[in-house]
Amino acid sequence: MIQNYHAHIYFDAKEEMLARDLRKEVASKFSAAVVGNLHLQAVGPHPKAMFQVLFPSDLFDSFIPWLQSARKHLDVLIHAESGNDIEDHTQLAMWLGSSLPLDLSRL
């Protein structure tokens, strides 16, 4: 059973303020979520700047519909956290917006 999920919210330099505002809003609205640091460049398998949100599965039904609207045009990778990083970022993943190519060799 999946107990946690990650949402990776991607942005570029022009979208940084939008991402910063969204990050603050997530933190204020979803106290059960853990909001990660803003990464201003690509990190790990992620192709561009992003921040991540770790959230429990019982928050999925409220957080994802909210994020779908609140993200504006930012692309978001949502994936389960099963312990298998490759599977998590591929078979157990979904996208809001456009899907971006991940560097799976970094997992």
C-alpha atoms as a PDB file:
ATOM      1  CA  MET A   1       0.000   0.000   0.000  1.00  0.00           C
ATOM      2  CA  ILE A   2       1.271   3.452  -0.897  1.00  0.00           C
ATOM      3  CA  GLN A   3       1.475   5.705   2.156  1.00  0.00           C
ATOM      4  CA  ASN A   4       3.148   8.804   0.694  1.00  0.00           C
ATOM      5  CA  TYR A   5       3.370  10.745  -2.538  1.00  0.00           C
ATOM      6  CA  HIS A   6       5.634  13.421  -3.942  1.00  0.00           C
ATOM      7  CA  ALA A   7       4.579  16.308  -6.133  1.00  0.00           C
ATOM      8  CA  HIS A   8       7.406  18.019  -8.036  1.00  0.00           C
ATOM      9  CA  ILE A   9       6.395  21.482  -9.236  1.00  0.00           C
ATOM     10  CA  TYR A  10       8.607  22.682 -12.079  1.00  0.00           C
ATOM     11  CA  PHE A  11       9.338  26.257 -13.122  1.00  0.00           C
ATOM     12  CA  ASP A  12      11.758  28.369 -15.101  1.00  0.00           C
ATOM     13  CA  ALA A  13      13.279  31.760 -14.270  1.00  0.00           C
ATOM     14  CA  LYS A  14      10.215  33.676 -15.518  1.00  0.00           C
ATOM     15  CA  GLU A  15       7.953  31.530 -13.346  1.00  0.00           C
ATOM     16  CA  GLU A  16      10.003  31.654 -10.155  1.00  0.00           C
ATOM     17  CA  MET A  17       7.726  34.114  -8.325  1.00  0.00           C
ATOM     18  CA  LEU A  18       4.669  32.045  -9.246  1.00  0.00           C
ATOM     19  CA  ALA A  19       6.422  28.954  -7.859  1.00  0.00           C
ATOM     20  CA  ARG A  20       7.446  30.793  -4.678  1.00  0.00           C
ATOM     21  CA  ASP A  21       3.863  31.952  -4.122  1.00  0.00           C
ATOM     22  CA  LEU A  22       2.475  28.471  -4.768  1.00  0.00           C
ATOM     23  CA  ARG A  23       5.015  26.965  -2.373  1.00  0.00           C
ATOM     24  CA  LYS A  24       3.882  29.341   0.396  1.00  0.00           C
ATOM     25  CA  GLU A  25       0.239  28.608  -0.334  1.00  0.00           C
ATOM     26  CA  VAL A  26       0.767  24.830  -0.143  1.00  0.00           C
ATOM     27  CA  ALA A  27       2.532  25.219   3.205  1.00  0.00           C
ATOM     28  CA  SER A  28      -0.269  27.362   4.636  1.00  0.00           C
ATOM     29  CA  LYS A  29      -3.188  25.250   3.362  1.00  0.00           C
ATOM     30  CA  PHE A  30      -1.866  21.712   3.881  1.00  0.00           C
ATOM     31  CA  SER A  31      -0.218  21.303   7.267  1.00  0.00           C
ATOM     32  CA  ALA A  32       0.186  17.527   6.783  1.00  0.00           C
ATOM     33  CA  ALA A  33       2.343  18.143   3.705  1.00  0.00           C
ATOM     34  CA  VAL A  34       6.111  18.662   3.906  1.00  0.00           C
ATOM     35  CA  VAL A  35       7.171  21.380   1.488  1.00  0.00           C
ATOM     36  CA  GLY A  36      10.742  21.085   0.273  1.00  0.00           C
ATOM     37  CA  ASN A  37      13.279  23.732  -0.635  1.00  0.00           C
ATOM     38  CA  LEU A  38      13.185  25.654  -3.886  1.00  0.00           C
ATOM     39  CA  HIS A  39      15.815  24.235  -6.243  1.00  0.00           C
ATOM     40  CA  LEU A  40      16.743  26.932  -8.761  1.00  0.00           C
ATOM     41  CA  GLN A  41      18.408  24.475 -11.132  1.00  0.00           C
ATOM     42  CA  ALA A  42      17.912  20.888 -12.231  1.00  0.00           C
ATOM     43  CA  VAL A  43      18.584  18.347  -9.487  1.00  0.00           C
ATOM     44  CA  GLY A  44      18.567  14.549  -9.563  1.00  0.00           C
ATOM     45  CA  PRO A  45      16.393  13.190 -12.359  1.00  0.00           C
ATOM     46  CA  HIS A  46      14.469  16.449 -12.667  1.00  0.00           C
ATOM     47  CA  PRO A  47      15.081  18.477 -15.838  1.00  0.00           C
ATOM     48  CA  LYS A  48      14.540  21.981 -14.467  1.00  0.00           C
ATOM     49  CA  ALA A  49      14.089  24.056 -11.344  1.00  0.00           C
ATOM     50  CA  MET A  50      11.465  22.741  -8.947  1.00  0.00           C
ATOM     51  CA  PHE A  51      10.255  22.258  -5.429  1.00  0.00           C
ATOM     52  CA  GLN A  52       8.752  19.111  -4.020  1.00  0.00           C
ATOM     53  CA  VAL A  53       5.870  18.408  -1.706  1.00  0.00           C
ATOM     54  CA  LEU A  54       5.724  15.161   0.270  1.00  0.00           C
ATOM     55  CA  PHE A  55       2.168  14.334   1.263  1.00  0.00           C
ATOM     56  CA  PRO A  56       0.398  11.349   2.834  1.00  0.00           C
ATOM     57  CA  SER A  57      -2.000   9.257   0.763  1.00  0.00           C
ATOM     58  CA  ASP A  58      -4.982  10.379   2.841  1.00  0.00           C
ATOM     59  CA  LEU A  59      -4.371  13.927   1.554  1.00  0.00           C
ATOM     60  CA  PHE A  60      -4.409  12.845  -2.117  1.00  0.00           C
ATOM     61  CA  ASP A  61      -8.153  13.416  -2.713  1.00  0.00           C
ATOM     62  CA  SER A  62      -8.040  16.995  -1.470  1.00  0.00           C
ATOM     63  CA  PHE A  63      -4.524  18.080  -2.426  1.00  0.00           C
ATOM     64  CA  ILE A  64      -4.413  16.946  -6.076  1.00  0.00           C
ATOM     65  CA  PRO A  65      -7.649  18.664  -7.234  1.00  0.00           C
ATOM     66  CA  TRP A  66      -6.566  21.818  -5.411  1.00  0.00           C
ATOM     67  CA  LEU A  67      -3.083  21.665  -6.983  1.00  0.00           C
ATOM     68  CA  GLN A  68      -4.549  21.039 -10.428  1.00  0.00           C
ATOM     69  CA  SER A  69      -6.187  24.458 -10.259  1.00  0.00           C
ATOM     70  CA  ALA A  70      -3.633  26.357  -8.149  1.00  0.00           C
ATOM     71  CA  ARG A  71      -0.604  25.372 -10.277  1.00  0.00           C
ATOM     72  CA  LYS A  72      -1.748  27.756 -13.037  1.00  0.00           C
ATOM     73  CA  HIS A  73       0.406  26.640 -16.013  1.00  0.00           C
ATOM     74  CA  LEU A  74       3.258  25.054 -14.047  1.00  0.00           C
ATOM     75  CA  ASP A  75       4.011  21.412 -14.879  1.00  0.00           C
ATOM     76  CA  VAL A  76       3.767  18.938 -11.998  1.00  0.00           C
ATOM     77  CA  LEU A  77       4.979  15.373 -11.605  1.00  0.00           C
ATOM     78  CA  ILE A  78       3.072  13.402  -8.981  1.00  0.00           C
ATOM     79  CA  HIS A  79       4.398  10.019  -7.975  1.00  0.00           C
ATOM     80  CA  ALA A  80       3.977   7.395  -5.309  1.00  0.00           C
ATOM     81  CA  GLU A  81       6.752   6.654  -2.876  1.00  0.00           C
ATOM     82  CA  SER A  82       7.015   2.851  -2.894  1.00  0.00           C
ATOM     83  CA  GLY A  83      10.755   2.443  -2.353  1.00  0.00           C
ATOM     84  CA  ASN A  84      11.450   1.693  -6.035  1.00  0.00           C
ATOM     85  CA  ASP A  85      12.600   5.035  -7.478  1.00  0.00           C
ATOM     86  CA  ILE A  86      12.437   3.967 -11.136  1.00  0.00           C
ATOM     87  CA  GLU A  87       8.935   2.550 -10.797  1.00  0.00           C
ATOM     88  CA  ASP A  88       7.825   5.536  -8.706  1.00  0.00           C
ATOM     89  CA  HIS A  89       8.913   8.028 -11.381  1.00  0.00           C
ATOM     90  CA  THR A  90       7.461   6.012 -14.296  1.00  0.00           C
ATOM     91  CA  GLN A  91       4.712   3.443 -13.658  1.00  0.00           C
ATOM     92  CA  LEU A  92       3.441   5.057 -10.446  1.00  0.00           C
ATOM     93  CA  ALA A  93       3.556   8.612 -11.826  1.00  0.00           C
ATOM     94  CA  MET A  94       1.108  11.082 -13.329  1.00  0.00           C
ATOM     95  CA  TRP A  95       1.452  14.592 -14.698  1.00  0.00           C
ATOM     96  CA  LEU A  96      -0.481  17.830 -14.422  1.00  0.00           C
ATOM     97  CA  GLY A  97       0.342  19.891 -17.485  1.00  0.00           C
ATOM     98  CA  SER A  98       3.042  18.654 -19.825  1.00  0.00           C
ATOM     99  CA  SER A  99       5.217  15.673 -19.014  1.00  0.00           C
ATOM    100  CA  LEU A 100       8.923  16.440 -18.968  1.00  0.00           C
ATOM    101  CA  PRO A 101      11.765  14.025 -19.723  1.00  0.00           C
ATOM    102  CA  LEU A 102      13.387  12.713 -16.555  1.00  0.00           C
ATOM    103  CA  ASP A 103      16.964  11.494 -16.355  1.00  0.00           C
ATOM    104  CA  LEU A 104      16.241   8.068 -14.880  1.00  0.00           C
ATOM    105  CA  SER A 105      19.947   7.197 -14.884  1.00  0.00           C
ATOM    106  CA  ARG A 106      20.216   9.533 -11.861  1.00  0.00           C
ATOM    107  CA  LEU A 107      17.948   7.343  -9.751  1.00  0.00           C
END
